[in-house]
Amino acid sequence: MPDDASNPCLSCGACCKHFRISMYIGEMAGHGGTVPDELVSKVNPVIACMKGTEAGAGRCVALLGEVGKPGIGCAIYAQRPTPCREYRVWLEDGSPNPDCQRLRANIGLPPLQATCCTHAQASWL
């Protein structure tokens, strides 16, 4: 993950232990993608998911660190699958993603405040 100290993801990680991270099997390295095969479980002939997230509410195997603590990050950030690349903390209007707010509250983190700087934040994920 980026090392920008103002990135709220670097002290959270709640989404990485809550959602099932499903992807098209073509995202696996063995099928021409970037996600390391050993970190993926096949769901069916065309869908795979990150290990640990198969049933939802499970921690992604690529998540490093303690959820809700500074320094948490992704071991395969540069190779992460599309759902991880597309998940946004900030909506286009600068308001926090309601799902992110809910997940942060579930692990005891304070809510994020609306911001006007969405372009910089879009590059965090």
C-alpha atoms as a PDB file:
ATOM      1  CA  MET A   1       0.000   0.000   0.000  1.00  0.00           C
ATOM      2  CA  PRO A   2       1.070   3.590  -0.413  1.00  0.00           C
ATOM      3  CA  ASP A   3       2.869   5.101   2.558  1.00  0.00           C
ATOM      4  CA  ASP A   4       0.790   8.303   2.682  1.00  0.00           C
ATOM      5  CA  ALA A   5       0.218   8.886   6.403  1.00  0.00           C
ATOM      6  CA  SER A   6      -3.159  10.524   5.724  1.00  0.00           C
ATOM      7  CA  ASN A   7      -4.546   7.422   3.995  1.00  0.00           C
ATOM      8  CA  PRO A   8      -7.264   6.064   6.323  1.00  0.00           C
ATOM      9  CA  CYS A   9      -6.779   2.549   4.921  1.00  0.00           C
ATOM     10  CA  LEU A  10      -3.351   2.352   6.556  1.00  0.00           C
ATOM     11  CA  SER A  11      -4.942   2.208   9.990  1.00  0.00           C
ATOM     12  CA  CYS A  12      -8.100   0.281   9.151  1.00  0.00           C
ATOM     13  CA  GLY A  13      -8.270  -2.863   6.975  1.00  0.00           C
ATOM     14  CA  ALA A  14     -11.879  -3.574   7.940  1.00  0.00           C
ATOM     15  CA  CYS A  15     -13.019  -4.152   4.359  1.00  0.00           C
ATOM     16  CA  CYS A  16     -10.280  -6.777   3.915  1.00  0.00           C
ATOM     17  CA  LYS A  17     -11.734  -8.835   6.750  1.00  0.00           C
ATOM     18  CA  HIS A  18     -15.389  -8.295   5.987  1.00  0.00           C
ATOM     19  CA  PHE A  19     -16.097  -8.741   2.274  1.00  0.00           C
ATOM     20  CA  ARG A  20     -15.741 -11.842   0.120  1.00  0.00           C
ATOM     21  CA  ILE A  21     -13.190 -10.702  -2.451  1.00  0.00           C
ATOM     22  CA  SER A  22     -14.442 -12.383  -5.617  1.00  0.00           C
ATOM     23  CA  MET A  23     -12.892 -11.983  -9.041  1.00  0.00           C
ATOM     24  CA  TYR A  24     -12.888 -13.383 -12.543  1.00  0.00           C
ATOM     25  CA  ILE A  25     -10.512 -16.338 -12.688  1.00  0.00           C
ATOM     26  CA  GLY A  26      -8.518 -14.533 -15.391  1.00  0.00           C
ATOM     27  CA  GLU A  27      -7.119 -12.286 -12.641  1.00  0.00           C
ATOM     28  CA  MET A  28      -5.099 -15.225 -11.290  1.00  0.00           C
ATOM     29  CA  ALA A  29      -1.438 -15.244 -12.320  1.00  0.00           C
ATOM     30  CA  GLY A  30      -1.783 -18.743 -13.780  1.00  0.00           C
ATOM     31  CA  HIS A  31      -4.528 -17.487 -16.077  1.00  0.00           C
ATOM     32  CA  GLY A  32      -2.696 -14.366 -17.291  1.00  0.00           C
ATOM     33  CA  GLY A  33      -3.568 -12.055 -14.382  1.00  0.00           C
ATOM     34  CA  THR A  34      -1.547 -10.701 -11.475  1.00  0.00           C
ATOM     35  CA  VAL A  35      -3.033 -12.246  -8.314  1.00  0.00           C
ATOM     36  CA  PRO A  36      -0.746 -15.038  -7.005  1.00  0.00           C
ATOM     37  CA  ASP A  37      -2.489 -18.390  -7.483  1.00  0.00           C
ATOM     38  CA  GLU A  38      -1.541 -19.646  -4.015  1.00  0.00           C
ATOM     39  CA  LEU A  39      -3.611 -16.854  -2.433  1.00  0.00           C
ATOM     40  CA  VAL A  40      -6.788 -17.687  -4.351  1.00  0.00           C
ATOM     41  CA  SER A  41      -9.569 -20.263  -3.980  1.00  0.00           C
ATOM     42  CA  LYS A  42     -11.563 -21.278  -7.050  1.00  0.00           C
ATOM     43  CA  VAL A  43     -15.303 -20.872  -6.510  1.00  0.00           C
ATOM     44  CA  ASN A  44     -16.380 -22.274  -9.880  1.00  0.00           C
ATOM     45  CA  PRO A  45     -14.886 -22.502 -13.394  1.00  0.00           C
ATOM     46  CA  VAL A  46     -15.006 -18.711 -13.897  1.00  0.00           C
ATOM     47  CA  ILE A  47     -14.967 -17.151 -10.397  1.00  0.00           C
ATOM     48  CA  ALA A  48     -12.273 -17.178  -7.721  1.00  0.00           C
ATOM     49  CA  CYS A  49     -11.873 -15.367  -4.413  1.00  0.00           C
ATOM     50  CA  MET A  50      -9.064 -14.414  -2.083  1.00  0.00           C
ATOM     51  CA  LYS A  51      -8.360 -17.126   0.471  1.00  0.00           C
ATOM     52  CA  GLY A  52      -9.812 -16.370   3.864  1.00  0.00           C
ATOM     53  CA  THR A  53     -12.777 -14.521   2.359  1.00  0.00           C
ATOM     54  CA  GLU A  54     -14.596 -17.514   0.858  1.00  0.00           C
ATOM     55  CA  ALA A  55     -17.640 -17.263   3.131  1.00  0.00           C
ATOM     56  CA  GLY A  56     -17.484 -13.503   3.768  1.00  0.00           C
ATOM     57  CA  ALA A  57     -16.608 -12.013   7.139  1.00  0.00           C
ATOM     58  CA  GLY A  58     -13.183 -13.660   6.924  1.00  0.00           C
ATOM     59  CA  ARG A  59      -9.782 -12.024   6.813  1.00  0.00           C
ATOM     60  CA  CYS A  60      -8.043 -11.892   3.433  1.00  0.00           C
ATOM     61  CA  VAL A  61      -4.849 -13.944   3.441  1.00  0.00           C
ATOM     62  CA  ALA A  62      -2.947 -11.002   1.887  1.00  0.00           C
ATOM     63  CA  LEU A  63      -3.799  -8.627   4.740  1.00  0.00           C
ATOM     64  CA  LEU A  64      -0.772  -7.849   6.911  1.00  0.00           C
ATOM     65  CA  GLY A  65      -0.952  -6.289  10.363  1.00  0.00           C
ATOM     66  CA  GLU A  66      -3.673  -5.812  12.928  1.00  0.00           C
ATOM     67  CA  VAL A  67      -7.064  -4.587  11.760  1.00  0.00           C
ATOM     68  CA  GLY A  68      -7.791  -1.118  13.109  1.00  0.00           C
ATOM     69  CA  LYS A  69      -4.141  -0.388  13.901  1.00  0.00           C
ATOM     70  CA  PRO A  70      -1.585   1.784  12.067  1.00  0.00           C
ATOM     71  CA  GLY A  71       0.585   0.001   9.531  1.00  0.00           C
ATOM     72  CA  ILE A  72      -1.977  -2.482   8.257  1.00  0.00           C
ATOM     73  CA  GLY A  73      -1.598  -3.170   4.557  1.00  0.00           C
ATOM     74  CA  CYS A  74      -1.832  -5.542   1.643  1.00  0.00           C
ATOM     75  CA  ALA A  75       1.008  -7.959   0.886  1.00  0.00           C
ATOM     76  CA  ILE A  76       0.072  -7.949  -2.809  1.00  0.00           C
ATOM     77  CA  TYR A  77      -0.987  -4.331  -3.219  1.00  0.00           C
ATOM     78  CA  ALA A  78       0.494  -4.003  -6.730  1.00  0.00           C
ATOM     79  CA  GLN A  79      -1.085  -7.335  -7.759  1.00  0.00           C
ATOM     80  CA  ARG A  80      -4.409  -6.950  -5.928  1.00  0.00           C
ATOM     81  CA  PRO A  81      -7.618  -7.988  -7.727  1.00  0.00           C
ATOM     82  CA  THR A  82     -10.146  -5.682  -9.341  1.00  0.00           C
ATOM     83  CA  PRO A  83     -12.605  -5.539  -6.384  1.00  0.00           C
ATOM     84  CA  CYS A  84      -9.797  -4.185  -4.201  1.00  0.00           C
ATOM     85  CA  ARG A  85      -8.693  -1.705  -6.874  1.00  0.00           C
ATOM     86  CA  GLU A  86     -12.236  -0.444  -7.362  1.00  0.00           C
ATOM     87  CA  TYR A  87     -13.354  -0.144  -3.717  1.00  0.00           C
ATOM     88  CA  ARG A  88     -13.434   3.523  -2.775  1.00  0.00           C
ATOM     89  CA  VAL A  89     -13.289   5.074   0.672  1.00  0.00           C
ATOM     90  CA  TRP A  90     -14.517   8.380  -0.765  1.00  0.00           C
ATOM     91  CA  LEU A  91     -17.476   8.868  -3.068  1.00  0.00           C
ATOM     92  CA  GLU A  92     -17.192  11.234  -6.033  1.00  0.00           C
ATOM     93  CA  ASP A  93     -18.767  14.081  -4.052  1.00  0.00           C
ATOM     94  CA  GLY A  94     -16.071  13.778  -1.365  1.00  0.00           C
ATOM     95  CA  SER A  95     -18.296  12.098   1.196  1.00  0.00           C
ATOM     96  CA  PRO A  96     -17.136   8.893   2.900  1.00  0.00           C
ATOM     97  CA  ASN A  97     -18.422   5.583   1.553  1.00  0.00           C
ATOM     98  CA  PRO A  98     -21.264   4.503   3.915  1.00  0.00           C
ATOM     99  CA  ASP A  99     -19.993   0.890   3.883  1.00  0.00           C
ATOM    100  CA  CYS A 100     -16.562   2.094   4.941  1.00  0.00           C
ATOM    101  CA  GLN A 101     -18.104   4.154   7.746  1.00  0.00           C
ATOM    102  CA  ARG A 102     -20.086   1.136   8.994  1.00  0.00           C
ATOM    103  CA  LEU A 103     -17.080  -1.182   8.897  1.00  0.00           C
ATOM    104  CA  ARG A 104     -14.880   1.377  10.683  1.00  0.00           C
ATOM    105  CA  ALA A 105     -17.494   1.724  13.426  1.00  0.00           C
ATOM    106  CA  ASN A 106     -17.623  -2.078  13.791  1.00  0.00           C
ATOM    107  CA  ILE A 107     -13.914  -2.153  14.689  1.00  0.00           C
ATOM    108  CA  GLY A 108     -14.044   0.914  16.921  1.00  0.00           C
ATOM    109  CA  LEU A 109     -12.542   3.506  14.563  1.00  0.00           C
ATOM    110  CA  PRO A 110     -13.980   7.018  14.324  1.00  0.00           C
ATOM    111  CA  PRO A 111     -15.993   8.020  11.251  1.00  0.00           C
ATOM    112  CA  LEU A 112     -14.233   9.705   8.359  1.00  0.00           C
ATOM    113  CA  GLN A 113     -15.088  13.303   7.569  1.00  0.00           C
ATOM    114  CA  ALA A 114     -16.164  14.540   4.145  1.00  0.00           C
ATOM    115  CA  THR A 115     -13.357  16.018   2.092  1.00  0.00           C
ATOM    116  CA  CYS A 116     -12.873  18.074  -1.008  1.00  0.00           C
ATOM    117  CA  CYS A 117      -9.711  16.282  -2.130  1.00  0.00           C
ATOM    118  CA  THR A 118     -11.070  13.180  -3.860  1.00  0.00           C
ATOM    119  CA  HIS A 119      -8.430  12.993  -6.616  1.00  0.00           C
ATOM    120  CA  ALA A 120      -5.577  12.285  -4.199  1.00  0.00           C
ATOM    121  CA  GLN A 121      -7.664   9.815  -2.235  1.00  0.00           C
ATOM    122  CA  ALA A 122      -8.698   7.914  -5.374  1.00  0.00           C
ATOM    123  CA  SER A 123      -5.066   6.948  -5.878  1.00  0.00           C
ATOM    124  CA  TRP A 124      -4.846   5.347  -2.408  1.00  0.00           C
ATOM    125  CA  LEU A 125      -6.761   2.315  -3.512  1.00  0.00           C
END
